[in-house]
Amino acid sequence: MFATLAGMAGLTLLIQALLAYLLLPEGRGAYAICIVFGTVLGLICTPGAQQGTQYFVAAQRMSVSQGVSSALIISIAGGGLAAALALPLIYSDLGFFQKADTHTFLLSLSLAPLTAISIALDHQIVALRRFRRLAVFSVLRIAATALLLPVLVRGAGLGVDGAIIAFAAGHGVMIAAILLYLQRRCGLAFALPVRANLGRVIGYGLKYHVARLGNAVEPHFGVIILGLLASQAEIGLFAAAIALMLGFMLVSNAVGNALFPRVAGAERAATVALCLRLVGIATALAMLAMLAISGPLVRLLLSDAFAPAAPLLWIMAPGILAYALSGILMTHFKGANRPQVCSWAVLLGLCANLGGLLLLYPQLGVAAAAWGTTIGMMCGCLFLAVVFHRTTRMSGLAVWLPRRADAGFLWAAGRAVLTRNAAEKSAAPLRSN
């Protein structure tokens, strides 16, 4: 997972640069509104399709075929429900739906089932511990989006619609690649989901549903609220800034993906604590390096039109660090079959975010969304940390204080990976013979 971070980060930055230069702040704002609308709507209507199937496959209480078929059924049915709920809203007079053309919002409805299926299959790969393959599929999705963006937006003249189609196509490529891999390597076969399995999956999903929605909404909550209060240009500035900062979640996501199968159905608080320290240090160091050159970087990467977004990066930095740590803590509670703790934390964070944004917006404008993001993420992280300490009975020093053994662990892990890779390469010619 770590080996692909540089490639994924580079491609993600390329996508953000293309969106900025091709769409400018106004178009970037319309794109952000539609992407958030389509993806969040899909998650609202598909409880259990991702985390539910992942948990039961990882805990070996469900086969891959049953897990995938359950995810597909829930996602497809949820996509239809999402469209039925969304159409009256799109044609309403709500200010949110005036921030982009009606046909663009209609196009974004295709993202509801598509992204739900893509995320669900991504989670299946994690449950099976096929991290190298997950890295390949993730890079493939981002690369497909990056290649199609200039072709559709500028070449075909589709504007925001082209950007949404490129985003959807990236997920489509990933879905096809994962299904083919699961069929060839993991015994995936067509099987109607057993009713009992669907019930268990949806039951788990409903317990985690608030947290799942919150995880999807929380980093983009400012976009949603600004959609009711601000102009397209302001939305575009905030969307570009939060997209850059969310790139620092790659470390947390990679570690969380590797950690989950090891804590599913098991209590490994010491391992979780180690991951918290490593993720916190790595994320903070990378973030400080970027913030030191944030002004010139934003102008170079996003163009001068996005220069007002540079101060927002500094405001959001503490919140994104807290969000990275929250990802590891949530992995612990999901693996311990206590996903409701994640839901409580997310709900608390969203309330704090909304309160901070509404209170500060009259004085600070778009910067209020950045402050609200930081306040909400820090509140959620604090809640998770308190519950983690109380349930594991580990002291604050035992969890958060860096130690020399952490560096030793990284060194040993790196050597093990390099040794294994070298052994696999040397064995390849023998296997071919």
Protein backbone atom coordinates (compact mmCIF):
# COMPACT_ATOMS: atom_id res chain seq x y z
CA MET A 1 0.00 0.00 0.00
CA PHE A 2 2.76 2.45 0.91
CA ALA A 3 4.60 1.69 -2.31
CA THR A 4 1.72 3.17 -4.32
CA LEU A 5 1.27 6.33 -2.23
CA ALA A 6 3.59 8.43 -4.37
CA GLY A 7 1.93 7.37 -7.60
CA MET A 8 -1.59 7.88 -6.26
CA ALA A 9 -0.69 11.24 -4.75
CA GLY A 10 0.86 12.40 -8.01
CA LEU A 11 -2.14 11.36 -10.08
CA THR A 12 -4.54 12.90 -7.57
CA LEU A 13 -2.68 16.20 -7.74
CA LEU A 14 -2.77 15.99 -11.53
CA ILE A 15 -6.55 15.57 -11.43
CA GLN A 16 -6.95 18.55 -9.12
CA ALA A 17 -4.75 20.66 -11.39
CA LEU A 18 -6.73 19.63 -14.47
CA LEU A 19 -10.03 20.43 -12.76
CA ALA A 20 -8.73 23.83 -11.69
CA TYR A 21 -7.31 24.88 -15.04
CA LEU A 22 -10.12 23.41 -17.15
CA LEU A 23 -13.14 24.43 -15.06
CA LEU A 24 -11.93 27.51 -13.10
CA PRO A 25 -13.47 28.28 -9.66
CA GLU A 26 -17.08 28.51 -10.91
CA GLY A 27 -17.00 25.22 -12.83
CA ARG A 28 -15.01 23.58 -10.03
CA GLY A 29 -17.79 24.55 -7.64
CA ALA A 30 -20.51 23.08 -9.86
CA TYR A 31 -18.48 19.87 -10.26
CA ALA A 32 -17.96 19.55 -6.49
CA ILE A 33 -21.67 20.03 -5.77
CA CYS A 34 -22.71 17.34 -8.26
CA ILE A 35 -20.06 14.82 -7.24
CA VAL A 36 -20.94 15.16 -3.55
CA PHE A 37 -24.65 14.94 -4.33
CA GLY A 38 -24.39 11.76 -6.42
CA THR A 39 -21.93 9.86 -4.24
CA VAL A 40 -23.52 10.73 -0.89
CA LEU A 41 -26.98 9.92 -2.20
CA GLY A 42 -25.73 6.48 -3.22
CA LEU A 43 -24.26 5.84 0.23
CA ILE A 44 -27.47 6.94 1.95
CA CYS A 45 -29.44 4.28 0.09
CA THR A 46 -26.98 1.36 0.36
CA PRO A 47 -26.55 0.42 4.05
CA GLY A 48 -24.18 -2.49 4.55
CA ALA A 49 -23.01 -2.77 0.94
CA GLN A 50 -19.47 -1.74 1.90
CA GLN A 51 -18.63 -2.27 5.58
CA GLY A 52 -21.25 -4.98 6.17
CA THR A 53 -20.07 -7.33 3.44
CA GLN A 54 -16.45 -6.52 4.25
CA TYR A 55 -16.83 -7.47 7.91
CA PHE A 56 -18.47 -10.84 7.29
CA VAL A 57 -16.03 -11.84 4.53
CA ALA A 58 -13.00 -10.73 6.60
CA ALA A 59 -14.31 -12.64 9.63
CA GLN A 60 -14.81 -15.70 7.35
CA ARG A 61 -18.51 -15.82 8.11
CA MET A 62 -19.49 -15.37 4.46
CA SER A 63 -18.01 -16.47 1.14
CA VAL A 64 -16.64 -14.03 -1.42
CA SER A 65 -19.45 -14.88 -3.82
CA GLN A 66 -22.10 -14.20 -1.19
CA GLY A 67 -20.38 -11.00 -0.10
CA VAL A 68 -20.09 -9.61 -3.63
CA SER A 69 -23.63 -10.64 -4.63
CA SER A 70 -25.06 -9.05 -1.48
CA ALA A 71 -23.15 -5.83 -2.20
CA LEU A 72 -24.34 -5.74 -5.82
CA ILE A 73 -27.99 -6.33 -4.93
CA ILE A 74 -27.97 -3.63 -2.24
CA SER A 75 -26.12 -1.16 -4.47
CA ILE A 76 -28.36 -1.62 -7.51
CA ALA A 77 -31.57 -1.42 -5.46
CA GLY A 78 -30.17 1.57 -3.58
CA GLY A 79 -29.30 3.31 -6.85
CA GLY A 80 -32.91 3.03 -8.01
CA LEU A 81 -34.16 4.36 -4.68
CA ALA A 82 -31.66 7.22 -4.87
CA ALA A 83 -32.96 8.29 -8.28
CA ALA A 84 -36.57 8.19 -7.08
CA LEU A 85 -35.75 10.36 -4.08
CA ALA A 86 -33.55 12.79 -6.01
CA LEU A 87 -35.68 13.68 -9.02
CA PRO A 88 -38.21 15.85 -7.13
CA LEU A 89 -35.34 17.66 -5.42
CA ILE A 90 -33.45 18.35 -8.64
CA TYR A 91 -36.52 19.99 -10.18
CA SER A 92 -37.29 21.99 -7.02
CA ASP A 93 -36.42 25.62 -6.33
CA LEU A 94 -33.88 24.85 -3.60
CA GLY A 95 -30.79 27.04 -3.85
CA PHE A 96 -28.48 24.01 -3.69
CA PHE A 97 -29.79 22.80 -7.05
CA GLN A 98 -29.25 26.17 -8.70
CA LYS A 99 -25.45 25.80 -8.41
CA ALA A 100 -25.27 23.59 -11.55
CA ASP A 101 -27.41 22.86 -14.61
CA THR A 102 -30.32 20.47 -14.19
CA HIS A 103 -28.95 18.03 -16.76
CA THR A 104 -25.66 17.96 -14.84
CA PHE A 105 -27.44 16.97 -11.63
CA LEU A 106 -29.34 14.29 -13.56
CA LEU A 107 -26.04 12.95 -14.90
CA SER A 108 -24.65 12.79 -11.38
CA LEU A 109 -27.40 10.31 -10.40
CA SER A 110 -25.46 7.63 -12.28
CA LEU A 111 -22.79 7.96 -9.61
CA ALA A 112 -25.10 6.63 -6.88
CA PRO A 113 -25.00 2.92 -7.81
CA LEU A 114 -21.63 3.15 -9.58
CA THR A 115 -19.62 4.52 -6.67
CA ALA A 116 -21.46 2.31 -4.18
CA ILE A 117 -20.44 -0.81 -6.14
CA SER A 118 -16.89 0.44 -6.64
CA ILE A 119 -16.40 1.14 -2.94
CA ALA A 120 -17.98 -2.20 -1.97
CA LEU A 121 -15.61 -4.16 -4.22
CA ASP A 122 -12.69 -2.12 -2.90
CA HIS A 123 -13.68 -3.23 0.60
CA GLN A 124 -13.83 -6.87 -0.52
CA ILE A 125 -10.23 -6.71 -1.70
CA VAL A 126 -9.26 -5.35 1.73
CA ALA A 127 -11.19 -8.13 3.47
CA LEU A 128 -9.17 -10.67 1.47
CA ARG A 129 -5.88 -8.90 2.32
CA ARG A 130 -4.96 -8.47 -1.35
CA PHE A 131 -3.31 -5.12 -0.71
CA ARG A 132 -0.99 -5.16 -3.69
CA ARG A 133 -3.93 -5.72 -6.02
CA LEU A 134 -5.92 -3.00 -4.29
CA ALA A 135 -3.06 -0.61 -4.92
CA VAL A 136 -3.03 -1.51 -8.62
CA PHE A 137 -6.80 -1.10 -8.94
CA SER A 138 -6.76 2.25 -7.11
CA VAL A 139 -4.03 3.63 -9.36
CA LEU A 140 -5.91 2.31 -12.39
CA ARG A 141 -9.06 4.19 -11.38
CA ILE A 142 -7.25 7.47 -10.81
CA ALA A 143 -5.21 7.10 -14.01
CA ALA A 144 -8.34 6.46 -16.10
CA THR A 145 -9.97 9.59 -14.66
CA ALA A 146 -6.88 11.69 -15.28
CA LEU A 147 -6.58 10.52 -18.90
CA LEU A 148 -10.24 11.13 -19.73
CA LEU A 149 -10.57 14.54 -18.06
CA PRO A 150 -8.85 16.72 -20.70
CA VAL A 151 -10.33 14.63 -23.53
CA LEU A 152 -13.92 15.04 -22.38
CA VAL A 153 -13.78 18.50 -20.78
CA ARG A 154 -11.68 20.35 -23.35
CA GLY A 155 -11.47 18.03 -26.38
CA ALA A 156 -15.17 17.12 -26.52
CA GLY A 157 -16.25 20.45 -25.05
CA LEU A 158 -18.43 18.83 -22.37
CA GLY A 159 -17.29 21.04 -19.50
CA VAL A 160 -18.55 19.97 -16.07
CA ASP A 161 -20.49 17.09 -17.62
CA GLY A 162 -17.27 15.73 -19.11
CA ALA A 163 -15.54 15.89 -15.73
CA ILE A 164 -18.37 13.90 -14.14
CA ILE A 165 -18.27 11.31 -16.94
CA ALA A 166 -14.50 10.94 -16.44
CA PHE A 167 -15.03 10.42 -12.70
CA ALA A 168 -17.70 7.78 -13.40
CA ALA A 169 -15.54 6.06 -16.00
CA GLY A 170 -12.69 5.70 -13.52
CA HIS A 171 -14.96 3.86 -11.11
CA GLY A 172 -16.31 1.73 -13.97
CA VAL A 173 -12.80 0.63 -14.92
CA MET A 174 -12.07 -0.29 -11.32
CA ILE A 175 -15.29 -2.32 -11.02
CA ALA A 176 -14.50 -4.33 -14.15
CA ALA A 177 -10.91 -4.98 -13.06
CA ILE A 178 -11.87 -6.16 -9.55
CA LEU A 179 -14.69 -8.43 -10.73
CA LEU A 180 -12.38 -10.07 -13.27
CA TYR A 181 -9.68 -10.56 -10.62
CA LEU A 182 -12.11 -12.02 -8.06
CA GLN A 183 -13.46 -14.41 -10.67
CA ARG A 184 -10.01 -15.65 -11.71
CA ARG A 185 -8.22 -15.71 -8.36
CA CYS A 186 -10.81 -15.90 -5.58
CA GLY A 187 -13.49 -18.23 -6.91
CA LEU A 188 -16.12 -15.56 -7.47
CA ALA A 189 -19.20 -17.09 -9.09
CA PHE A 190 -22.71 -15.85 -9.67
CA ALA A 191 -24.88 -16.66 -6.67
CA LEU A 192 -28.11 -15.12 -5.47
CA PRO A 193 -27.55 -13.76 -1.95
CA VAL A 194 -29.07 -15.82 0.85
CA ARG A 195 -31.80 -13.90 2.64
CA ALA A 196 -30.15 -14.48 6.01
CA ASN A 197 -26.87 -13.06 4.69
CA LEU A 198 -28.61 -9.97 3.35
CA GLY A 199 -30.25 -9.46 6.72
CA ARG A 200 -26.95 -9.73 8.58
CA VAL A 201 -25.20 -7.40 6.15
CA ILE A 202 -27.91 -4.74 6.30
CA GLY A 203 -28.13 -5.09 10.09
CA TYR A 204 -24.42 -4.43 10.47
CA GLY A 205 -24.65 -1.65 7.93
CA LEU A 206 -27.48 0.10 9.75
CA LYS A 207 -25.43 0.14 12.97
CA TYR A 208 -22.57 1.78 11.09
CA HIS A 209 -24.73 3.77 8.66
CA VAL A 210 -24.50 7.13 10.41
CA ALA A 211 -20.72 6.79 10.58
CA ARG A 212 -20.53 5.67 6.94
CA LEU A 213 -22.53 8.65 5.79
CA GLY A 214 -20.61 10.94 8.07
CA ASN A 215 -17.26 9.70 6.77
CA ALA A 216 -18.42 10.48 3.25
CA VAL A 217 -20.04 13.79 4.15
CA GLU A 218 -17.66 15.12 6.81
CA PRO A 219 -14.77 16.22 4.58
CA HIS A 220 -17.24 17.67 2.05
CA PHE A 221 -19.76 19.03 4.54
CA GLY A 222 -18.53 22.54 3.87
CA VAL A 223 -19.32 22.07 0.16
CA ILE A 224 -22.88 21.04 1.01
CA ILE A 225 -23.54 23.96 3.35
CA LEU A 226 -21.80 26.46 1.07
CA GLY A 227 -24.12 25.15 -1.65
CA LEU A 228 -26.92 26.80 0.30
CA LEU A 229 -25.07 29.98 1.28
CA ALA A 230 -22.24 30.85 -1.12
CA SER A 231 -21.46 31.46 -4.77
CA GLN A 232 -20.08 28.86 -7.19
CA ALA A 233 -16.65 30.49 -7.03
CA GLU A 234 -16.50 30.27 -3.21
CA ILE A 235 -17.60 26.65 -3.35
CA GLY A 236 -14.88 25.98 -5.92
CA LEU A 237 -12.18 27.53 -3.73
CA PHE A 238 -13.15 25.45 -0.70
CA ALA A 239 -13.59 22.26 -2.77
CA ALA A 240 -10.11 22.63 -4.27
CA ALA A 241 -8.55 23.27 -0.85
CA ILE A 242 -10.21 20.32 0.88
CA ALA A 243 -9.34 18.04 -2.05
CA LEU A 244 -5.64 18.90 -1.65
CA MET A 245 -5.73 18.32 2.10
CA LEU A 246 -7.55 15.00 1.79
CA GLY A 247 -4.52 13.74 -0.11
CA PHE A 248 -2.85 13.42 3.29
CA MET A 249 -5.40 10.71 4.16
CA LEU A 250 -3.54 8.29 1.88
CA VAL A 251 -1.25 7.20 4.71
CA SER A 252 -4.13 6.65 7.13
CA ASN A 253 -6.20 4.82 4.53
CA ALA A 254 -3.31 2.56 3.56
CA VAL A 255 -2.56 1.62 7.17
CA GLY A 256 -6.26 1.24 7.97
CA ASN A 257 -6.76 -1.12 5.03
CA ALA A 258 -3.86 -3.29 6.17
CA LEU A 259 -5.01 -3.16 9.80
CA PHE A 260 -8.68 -4.07 9.43
CA PRO A 261 -8.37 -7.78 8.51
CA ARG A 262 -6.05 -8.22 11.51
CA VAL A 263 -8.44 -6.66 14.03
CA ALA A 264 -11.72 -8.01 12.60
CA GLY A 265 -13.13 -10.16 15.39
CA ALA A 266 -10.01 -9.64 17.53
CA GLU A 267 -8.88 -7.16 20.19
CA ARG A 268 -5.40 -5.85 19.33
CA ALA A 269 -5.19 -2.52 21.07
CA ALA A 270 -1.38 -2.41 21.09
CA THR A 271 -1.26 -2.83 17.30
CA VAL A 272 -3.84 -0.06 16.89
CA ALA A 273 -1.80 2.21 19.15
CA LEU A 274 1.33 1.57 17.08
CA CYS A 275 -0.57 2.48 13.92
CA LEU A 276 -1.89 5.66 15.54
CA ARG A 277 1.63 6.85 16.36
CA LEU A 278 3.05 6.02 12.95
CA VAL A 279 0.15 7.59 11.03
CA GLY A 280 0.22 10.71 13.20
CA ILE A 281 3.94 11.31 12.73
CA ALA A 282 3.99 10.54 9.00
CA THR A 283 0.92 12.68 8.26
CA ALA A 284 2.15 15.63 10.34
CA LEU A 285 5.59 15.67 8.71
CA ALA A 286 4.19 15.48 5.19
CA MET A 287 1.65 18.20 5.96
CA LEU A 288 4.24 20.58 7.38
CA ALA A 289 6.42 20.18 4.29
CA MET A 290 3.50 21.08 2.03
CA LEU A 291 2.28 24.01 4.13
CA ALA A 292 5.74 25.57 4.04
CA ILE A 293 5.32 26.13 0.28
CA SER A 294 1.51 26.31 0.17
CA GLY A 295 1.29 29.77 -1.45
CA PRO A 296 3.46 29.12 -4.51
CA LEU A 297 2.19 25.53 -4.71
CA VAL A 298 -1.46 26.59 -5.00
CA ARG A 299 -0.65 29.15 -7.69
CA LEU A 300 1.40 26.65 -9.67
CA LEU A 301 -0.88 23.65 -9.21
CA LEU A 302 -4.31 25.29 -9.38
CA SER A 303 -3.59 28.64 -11.13
CA ASP A 304 -3.69 32.20 -9.79
CA ALA A 305 -7.50 32.10 -9.75
CA PHE A 306 -7.28 29.76 -6.73
CA ALA A 307 -4.72 31.81 -4.74
CA PRO A 308 -7.33 32.72 -2.05
CA ALA A 309 -7.53 29.01 -1.22
CA ALA A 310 -3.97 28.91 0.21
CA PRO A 311 -4.88 30.25 3.70
CA LEU A 312 -7.63 27.64 3.95
CA LEU A 313 -4.99 24.88 3.90
CA TRP A 314 -3.44 26.17 7.14
CA ILE A 315 -6.83 26.37 8.83
CA MET A 316 -7.76 22.80 7.88
CA ALA A 317 -4.40 21.18 8.69
CA PRO A 318 -5.13 20.34 12.38
CA GLY A 319 -8.52 18.95 11.43
CA ILE A 320 -7.11 16.72 8.67
CA LEU A 321 -4.49 15.36 11.08
CA ALA A 322 -7.27 14.53 13.55
CA TYR A 323 -9.27 12.98 10.71
CA ALA A 324 -6.32 10.73 9.80
CA LEU A 325 -6.10 9.50 13.40
CA SER A 326 -9.86 9.00 13.50
CA GLY A 327 -9.58 6.64 10.55
CA ILE A 328 -7.36 4.29 12.55
CA LEU A 329 -9.57 4.49 15.65
CA MET A 330 -12.64 3.73 13.54
CA THR A 331 -10.87 0.71 12.08
CA HIS A 332 -10.48 -0.59 15.64
CA PHE A 333 -14.16 -0.14 16.51
CA LYS A 334 -15.36 -1.64 13.22
CA GLY A 335 -13.16 -4.68 13.77
CA ALA A 336 -14.43 -5.03 17.34
CA ASN A 337 -18.04 -5.09 16.01
CA ARG A 338 -18.80 -1.75 17.69
CA PRO A 339 -19.45 0.42 14.63
CA GLN A 340 -22.03 2.44 16.55
CA VAL A 341 -19.14 4.21 18.33
CA CYS A 342 -18.03 5.51 14.93
CA SER A 343 -21.56 6.72 14.25
CA TRP A 344 -21.68 8.69 17.49
CA ALA A 345 -18.32 10.29 16.77
CA VAL A 346 -19.30 11.30 13.25
CA LEU A 347 -22.62 12.74 14.39
CA LEU A 348 -20.83 14.80 17.02
CA GLY A 349 -18.32 16.03 14.45
CA LEU A 350 -20.99 17.03 11.94
CA CYS A 351 -22.93 18.98 14.58
CA ALA A 352 -19.75 20.81 15.64
CA ASN A 353 -18.86 21.48 11.99
CA LEU A 354 -22.29 22.90 11.21
CA GLY A 355 -22.35 25.04 14.33
CA GLY A 356 -18.90 26.49 13.67
CA LEU A 357 -19.63 27.19 10.00
CA LEU A 358 -22.96 28.94 10.60
CA LEU A 359 -21.56 30.96 13.48
CA LEU A 360 -18.47 32.16 11.62
CA TYR A 361 -19.73 32.53 8.03
CA PRO A 362 -21.15 36.07 8.41
CA GLN A 363 -17.73 37.31 9.57
CA LEU A 364 -15.29 35.05 7.69
CA GLY A 365 -17.06 33.98 4.51
CA VAL A 366 -15.62 30.85 2.87
CA ALA A 367 -12.93 30.56 5.60
CA ALA A 368 -15.74 29.62 8.00
CA ALA A 369 -16.13 26.33 6.14
CA ALA A 370 -12.45 25.57 6.78
CA TRP A 371 -12.78 26.39 10.48
CA GLY A 372 -15.95 24.31 10.72
CA THR A 373 -14.15 21.37 9.12
CA THR A 374 -11.31 21.55 11.64
CA ILE A 375 -13.61 21.95 14.64
CA GLY A 376 -15.79 19.03 13.60
CA MET A 377 -12.93 16.64 12.83
CA MET A 378 -11.13 17.41 16.08
CA CYS A 379 -14.29 16.87 18.14
CA GLY A 380 -14.92 13.50 16.48
CA CYS A 381 -11.31 12.39 17.01
CA LEU A 382 -11.36 13.42 20.67
CA PHE A 383 -14.52 11.40 21.27
CA LEU A 384 -13.06 8.30 19.61
CA ALA A 385 -9.83 8.62 21.59
CA VAL A 386 -11.69 8.88 24.91
CA VAL A 387 -13.80 5.79 24.16
CA PHE A 388 -10.70 3.90 22.97
CA HIS A 389 -8.86 4.62 26.22
CA ARG A 390 -11.84 3.66 28.36
CA THR A 391 -12.57 0.39 26.57
CA THR A 392 -8.95 -0.78 26.19
CA ARG A 393 -7.75 0.63 29.54
CA MET A 394 -4.54 1.81 27.87
CA SER A 395 -2.97 4.98 29.25
CA GLY A 396 -2.42 8.09 27.18
CA LEU A 397 1.36 7.66 27.26
CA ALA A 398 1.14 4.03 26.18
CA VAL A 399 -0.88 5.01 23.13
CA TRP A 400 0.46 8.37 21.97
CA LEU A 401 4.08 8.70 23.14
CA PRO A 402 6.50 7.82 20.29
CA ARG A 403 9.13 5.29 21.20
CA ARG A 404 12.35 3.94 19.72
CA ALA A 405 10.68 0.60 19.00
CA ASP A 406 8.38 2.31 16.49
CA ALA A 407 11.34 3.18 14.29
CA GLY A 408 12.64 -0.34 14.71
CA PHE A 409 9.31 -1.74 13.60
CA LEU A 410 9.34 0.39 10.44
CA TRP A 411 12.90 -0.65 9.65
CA ALA A 412 12.14 -4.34 10.15
CA ALA A 413 8.92 -4.13 8.13
CA GLY A 414 10.69 -2.37 5.26
CA ARG A 415 13.46 -4.97 5.19
CA ALA A 416 10.90 -7.79 5.26
CA VAL A 417 9.01 -6.34 2.31
CA LEU A 418 12.18 -5.80 0.27
CA THR A 419 13.45 -9.30 1.09
CA ARG A 420 10.12 -10.89 0.12
CA ASN A 421 9.95 -8.94 -3.13
CA ALA A 422 13.50 -9.98 -4.01
CA ALA A 423 12.68 -13.61 -3.25
CA GLU A 424 9.54 -13.48 -5.41
CA LYS A 425 11.49 -12.00 -8.35
CA SER A 426 14.21 -14.64 -8.09
CA ALA A 427 11.61 -17.41 -7.88
CA ALA A 428 9.63 -16.18 -10.90
CA PRO A 429 11.96 -17.68 -13.55
CA LEU A 430 11.91 -21.02 -11.72
CA ARG A 431 8.10 -21.06 -11.67
CA SER A 432 7.96 -20.20 -15.38
CA ASN A 433 10.25 -23.11 -16.15
